[in-house]
Protein backbone atom coordinates (compact mmCIF):
# COMPACT_ATOMS: atom_id res chain seq x y z
CA MET A 1 4.63 -18.12 4.30
CA LYS A 2 1.42 -17.72 2.25
CA LEU A 3 0.93 -15.34 -0.67
CA SER A 4 -0.91 -12.80 1.48
CA HIS A 5 2.19 -12.54 3.80
CA TYR A 6 4.48 -12.06 0.77
CA ILE A 7 2.21 -9.23 -0.46
CA LEU A 8 2.13 -7.59 2.99
CA LEU A 9 5.92 -7.93 3.27
CA LEU A 10 6.58 -6.43 -0.11
CA VAL A 11 4.01 -3.59 0.29
CA GLY A 12 5.19 -2.95 3.83
CA LEU A 13 8.77 -2.62 2.63
CA ALA A 14 7.83 -0.42 -0.36
CA TYR A 15 5.66 1.83 1.89
CA GLY A 16 8.50 2.03 4.52
CA VAL A 17 11.07 3.01 2.00
CA ASN A 18 8.79 5.48 0.24
CA GLY A 19 7.82 6.96 3.62
CA LEU A 20 11.50 7.49 4.57
CA VAL A 21 12.39 9.09 1.31
CA MET A 22 9.38 11.36 1.59
CA LEU A 23 10.26 12.32 5.09
CA PHE A 24 14.04 12.80 4.68
CA ALA A 25 14.31 13.73 0.98
CA PRO A 26 11.04 15.29 -0.06
CA HIS A 27 12.38 17.38 -2.83
CA PHE A 28 14.23 14.37 -4.35
CA TRP A 29 11.00 12.27 -4.06
CA TYR A 30 9.03 15.11 -5.73
CA LEU A 31 11.41 15.35 -8.55
CA THR A 32 11.95 11.59 -9.11
CA VAL A 33 8.50 9.96 -8.89
CA PRO A 34 7.05 9.91 -12.42
CA GLY A 35 3.94 12.17 -12.77
CA ILE A 36 4.35 14.06 -9.43
CA VAL A 37 5.73 17.28 -10.81
CA GLU A 38 2.73 17.36 -13.27
CA MET A 39 0.17 17.10 -10.54
CA GLY A 40 1.23 20.29 -8.71
CA ASP A 41 3.65 22.39 -6.93
CA TYR A 42 6.28 21.20 -4.42
CA HIS A 43 5.10 21.34 -0.86
CA ARG A 44 7.69 19.93 1.59
CA HIS A 45 5.34 19.89 4.47
CA LEU A 46 2.59 17.95 2.82
CA ILE A 47 5.07 15.41 1.26
CA ARG A 48 6.52 14.90 4.72
CA ASP A 49 3.17 14.41 6.26
CA VAL A 50 2.20 11.85 3.64
CA GLY A 51 5.59 10.22 4.21
CA LEU A 52 4.65 9.65 7.90
CA ILE A 53 1.41 7.96 6.81
CA TYR A 54 3.35 5.67 4.56
CA LEU A 55 5.60 4.78 7.39
CA ILE A 56 2.73 3.88 9.74
CA MET A 57 0.98 1.90 7.15
CA GLY A 58 4.04 0.18 6.06
CA GLY A 59 4.98 -0.53 9.66
CA GLY A 60 1.46 -2.09 10.17
CA PHE A 61 1.99 -4.44 7.32
CA LEU A 62 5.51 -5.44 8.56
CA ALA A 63 4.23 -5.79 12.18
CA VAL A 64 1.64 -8.42 10.88
CA VAL A 65 4.37 -10.28 8.90
CA SER A 66 6.46 -10.45 11.90
CA MET A 67 3.82 -11.64 14.23
CA GLY A 68 2.47 -14.24 11.89
CA ARG A 69 -0.85 -14.84 10.17
CA GLU A 70 -2.23 -16.80 13.10
CA HIS A 71 -1.71 -14.11 15.69
CA HIS A 72 -5.19 -13.09 17.04
CA SER A 73 -4.85 -9.47 16.01
CA ALA A 74 -3.00 -9.93 12.70
CA ARG A 75 -6.09 -9.47 10.47
CA GLU A 76 -7.28 -6.43 12.39
CA ILE A 77 -3.94 -4.74 12.30
CA ALA A 78 -3.54 -5.52 8.58
CA LEU A 79 -6.97 -4.26 7.70
CA PHE A 80 -6.36 -1.02 9.74
CA ALA A 81 -3.12 -0.50 7.76
CA CYS A 82 -5.17 -0.74 4.61
CA LEU A 83 -7.50 2.20 5.54
CA TRP A 84 -5.39 4.95 4.21
CA PRO A 85 -3.98 3.30 1.08
CA SER A 86 -7.55 2.20 0.12
CA PHE A 87 -9.05 5.67 0.48
CA HIS A 88 -5.96 7.12 -1.31
CA GLY A 89 -6.61 4.84 -4.12
CA VAL A 90 -10.23 5.82 -4.54
CA TYR A 91 -9.26 9.38 -4.44
CA HIS A 92 -6.73 8.85 -7.21
CA MET A 93 -9.40 6.97 -9.29
CA VAL A 94 -11.48 10.15 -8.98
CA ILE A 95 -8.59 12.26 -10.15
CA PHE A 96 -8.06 9.84 -13.13
CA PHE A 97 -11.65 10.29 -14.21
CA ASP A 98 -11.47 14.20 -13.48
CA ARG A 99 -8.58 14.37 -15.78
CA GLY A 100 -10.63 12.70 -18.57
CA MET A 101 -9.02 9.16 -18.13
CA PRO A 102 -5.70 9.93 -20.08
CA LEU A 103 -3.35 7.04 -20.39
CA ASP A 104 -0.13 8.97 -19.49
CA THR A 105 2.72 8.94 -16.95
CA ILE A 106 0.36 10.10 -14.14
CA ALA A 107 -2.08 7.29 -14.92
CA LEU A 108 0.70 4.71 -14.98
CA THR A 109 2.30 5.79 -11.75
CA ASN A 110 -1.23 5.88 -10.18
CA PHE A 111 -1.83 2.16 -11.39
CA LEU A 112 1.50 0.79 -10.48
CA LEU A 113 2.40 2.77 -7.24
CA ILE A 114 -1.00 3.51 -5.81
CA GLN A 115 -3.76 1.08 -7.03
CA ILE A 116 -1.92 -2.20 -7.26
CA PRO A 117 -0.26 -1.91 -3.67
CA ALA A 118 -3.48 -0.60 -2.05
CA TRP A 119 -5.92 -3.32 -3.58
CA PHE A 120 -3.48 -6.29 -3.28
CA SER A 121 -2.68 -5.45 0.34
CA LEU A 122 -6.47 -5.07 1.06
CA TRP A 123 -7.00 -8.63 -0.47
CA ALA A 124 -4.04 -9.87 1.56
CA ALA A 125 -5.33 -8.45 4.80
CA TRP A 126 -8.85 -9.66 4.14
CA SER A 127 -7.57 -13.22 3.49
CA LEU A 128 -5.81 -13.52 6.91
CA PRO A 129 -7.53 -15.86 9.22
CA ARG A 130 -10.40 -14.54 11.39
CA HIS A 131 -10.14 -15.31 15.14
CA LYS A 132 -13.16 -15.77 17.33
CA SER A 133 -13.21 -13.50 20.45
CA GLY A 134 -13.18 -15.37 23.65
CA VAL A 135 -16.25 -13.34 24.92
């Protein structure tokens, strides 16, 4: 397995576990993820909705790992699974600048749990082989 697959495997598992916790234990997730309480009020419905998104994106990464990097659709599936995490990462960069760029728990959580997985998985997906269409 190449580095790109290890990244997709690790991020896929992390997103899957995070999604399950958000879906089935949203209050626990809200209270235990550093910086979340400081960002706003508890909203069970929203946390569960986002948990479903994490499950879908993580499932996409894990599907790519299981099908192998040479599968004709692996790159496209992986890139699709990167859409939400990438936009989520950009949104959180905006929040960081809006907050005046403080180096606090919220910023650390943003960097470690949002930015790194989003951009590493995008790199990993982009580095998968391109397959020419038979058309």
